[in-house]
Amino acid sequence: MTITGVCYVALSVSDVERSVRFYTEVLGFSELHRVSDDGRRAIAVRSADGSVGLGLVELAASARDKFTPLRTGLDHLCLLVPAKEDLEAWSARLSDFGVEHSGVLPTPFGPILNFKDPDGIALAFKAGA
């Protein structure tokens, strides 16, 4: 029995249209398809290289509170980039779009860049594998 990767990660969002704009315009994901049924709207997106899939899900019945890693569930989602130079480029791009971020930070695991999506969901870019 082997797990070979992650198919996708679904994120609960408060405004699916705002979120899809962020993930496509800022992060360069492509929209794959949309689903709308019984109080749920979802949009699937995929990274430019096809390696990361996200489901952006807006539920009519969900609480409209802000994301916090202090609750059980998602702490943050970290996306890989090839090299530290890519982190610098992403830092500049995030700034260009007005997205607050940590700047490139050293960690014991390699350099990382922290930021948040429009719902405050904690995201990061990490250089290397």
Protein backbone atom coordinates (compact mmCIF):
# COMPACT_ATOMS: atom_id res chain seq x y z
CA MET A 1 0.00 0.00 0.00
CA THR A 2 1.63 3.20 -1.21
CA ILE A 3 0.64 6.85 -1.22
CA THR A 4 2.19 8.56 -4.23
CA GLY A 5 1.26 12.20 -3.70
CA VAL A 6 -1.51 14.66 -2.93
CA CYS A 7 -4.36 14.85 -5.42
CA TYR A 8 -5.65 18.22 -4.17
CA VAL A 9 -6.29 20.26 -1.05
CA ALA A 10 -9.73 21.79 -0.52
CA LEU A 11 -9.88 25.13 1.26
CA SER A 12 -13.06 26.59 2.76
CA VAL A 13 -13.34 30.21 1.67
CA SER A 14 -15.83 32.99 2.37
CA ASP A 15 -16.03 34.33 -1.21
CA VAL A 16 -15.11 31.81 -3.90
CA GLU A 17 -14.93 34.43 -6.67
CA ARG A 18 -12.50 36.60 -4.68
CA SER A 19 -10.42 33.51 -3.88
CA VAL A 20 -10.25 32.26 -7.46
CA ARG A 21 -9.04 35.70 -8.55
CA PHE A 22 -6.26 35.58 -5.92
CA TYR A 23 -5.11 32.06 -6.78
CA THR A 24 -5.22 32.65 -10.56
CA GLU A 25 -4.07 36.27 -10.87
CA VAL A 26 -1.54 36.42 -8.02
CA LEU A 27 -0.31 32.82 -7.79
CA GLY A 28 -0.72 31.83 -11.45
CA PHE A 29 -3.08 28.87 -10.98
CA SER A 30 -5.50 27.97 -13.80
CA GLU A 31 -9.19 27.38 -13.29
CA LEU A 32 -10.23 23.81 -14.14
CA HIS A 33 -13.95 23.65 -13.41
CA ARG A 34 -16.81 24.91 -11.27
CA VAL A 35 -19.48 23.08 -9.29
CA SER A 36 -22.54 24.58 -7.66
CA ASP A 37 -25.08 22.57 -5.70
CA ASP A 38 -27.15 22.65 -2.49
CA GLY A 39 -25.51 25.60 -0.74
CA ARG A 40 -22.01 24.85 -2.03
CA ARG A 41 -19.98 26.57 -4.72
CA ALA A 42 -16.57 25.15 -5.57
CA ILE A 43 -13.91 26.02 -8.08
CA ALA A 44 -10.98 23.71 -8.81
CA VAL A 45 -7.65 25.29 -9.74
CA ARG A 46 -4.25 23.85 -10.64
CA SER A 47 -0.74 25.30 -10.51
CA ALA A 48 0.94 26.25 -13.79
CA ASP A 49 3.08 23.09 -13.80
CA GLY A 50 0.12 20.88 -12.86
CA SER A 51 1.68 19.63 -9.62
CA VAL A 52 -0.71 21.30 -7.13
CA GLY A 53 -4.49 21.12 -7.18
CA LEU A 54 -6.73 23.20 -4.94
CA GLY A 55 -10.46 23.15 -4.38
CA LEU A 56 -11.83 26.52 -3.32
CA VAL A 57 -15.12 25.82 -1.55
CA GLU A 58 -17.72 28.33 -0.40
CA LEU A 59 -20.46 26.85 1.78
CA ALA A 60 -23.61 28.87 2.44
CA ALA A 61 -23.88 27.42 5.95
CA SER A 62 -20.24 28.04 6.95
CA ALA A 63 -19.27 30.50 9.62
CA ARG A 64 -17.79 33.66 8.14
CA ASP A 65 -15.05 33.89 10.74
CA LYS A 66 -11.39 34.37 9.89
CA PHE A 67 -8.93 31.53 9.43
CA THR A 68 -6.72 30.74 12.41
CA PRO A 69 -4.09 28.01 12.73
CA LEU A 70 -5.07 27.85 16.42
CA ARG A 71 -8.08 25.62 15.62
CA THR A 72 -7.87 21.96 14.77
CA GLY A 73 -7.49 21.59 11.02
CA LEU A 74 -5.16 23.36 8.63
CA ASP A 75 -2.17 25.17 10.12
CA HIS A 76 -0.77 26.36 6.79
CA LEU A 77 -0.18 25.19 3.24
CA CYS A 78 3.42 25.30 2.01
CA LEU A 79 4.14 25.26 -1.72
CA LEU A 80 7.54 24.35 -3.15
CA VAL A 81 9.52 26.51 -5.54
CA PRO A 82 12.81 25.45 -7.19
CA ALA A 83 15.31 27.84 -5.59
CA LYS A 84 15.84 30.79 -3.25
CA GLU A 85 15.89 33.12 -6.26
CA ASP A 86 12.30 32.07 -6.93
CA LEU A 87 11.38 33.11 -3.39
CA GLU A 88 12.80 36.56 -4.09
CA ALA A 89 10.75 36.78 -7.29
CA TRP A 90 7.59 35.67 -5.45
CA SER A 91 8.29 38.22 -2.72
CA ALA A 92 8.39 40.98 -5.33
CA ARG A 93 5.24 39.66 -7.04
CA LEU A 94 3.30 39.51 -3.78
CA SER A 95 4.38 43.08 -3.02
CA ASP A 96 3.29 44.18 -6.51
CA PHE A 97 -0.19 42.79 -5.77
CA GLY A 98 -0.30 44.39 -2.31
CA VAL A 99 -0.14 41.04 -0.50
CA GLU A 100 1.56 41.32 2.89
CA HIS A 101 4.31 38.77 3.44
CA SER A 102 7.24 37.92 5.67
CA GLY A 103 9.97 38.43 3.13
CA VAL A 104 12.36 35.52 2.61
CA LEU A 105 13.25 34.02 5.99
CA PRO A 106 15.93 31.46 6.85
CA THR A 107 14.75 28.30 8.63
CA PRO A 108 16.52 25.07 9.62
CA PHE A 109 14.74 23.48 6.63
CA GLY A 110 15.73 26.15 4.11
CA PRO A 111 14.43 29.60 3.14
CA ILE A 112 10.69 30.26 3.29
CA LEU A 113 8.26 33.07 2.39
CA ASN A 114 5.04 33.36 4.41
CA PHE A 115 1.85 35.11 3.30
CA LYS A 116 -1.95 34.79 3.50
CA ASP A 117 -4.79 34.51 1.02
CA PRO A 118 -7.82 36.86 1.13
CA ASP A 119 -9.44 34.78 3.91
CA GLY A 120 -6.28 34.88 5.99
CA ILE A 121 -5.42 31.25 5.21
CA ALA A 122 -1.73 30.88 5.99
CA LEU A 123 0.37 30.01 2.94
CA ALA A 124 4.09 29.71 2.34
CA PHE A 125 6.60 29.16 -0.42
CA LYS A 126 9.67 27.06 0.43
CA ALA A 127 12.73 26.70 -1.76
CA GLY A 128 13.96 23.22 -2.64
CA ALA A 129 12.57 19.81 -1.82
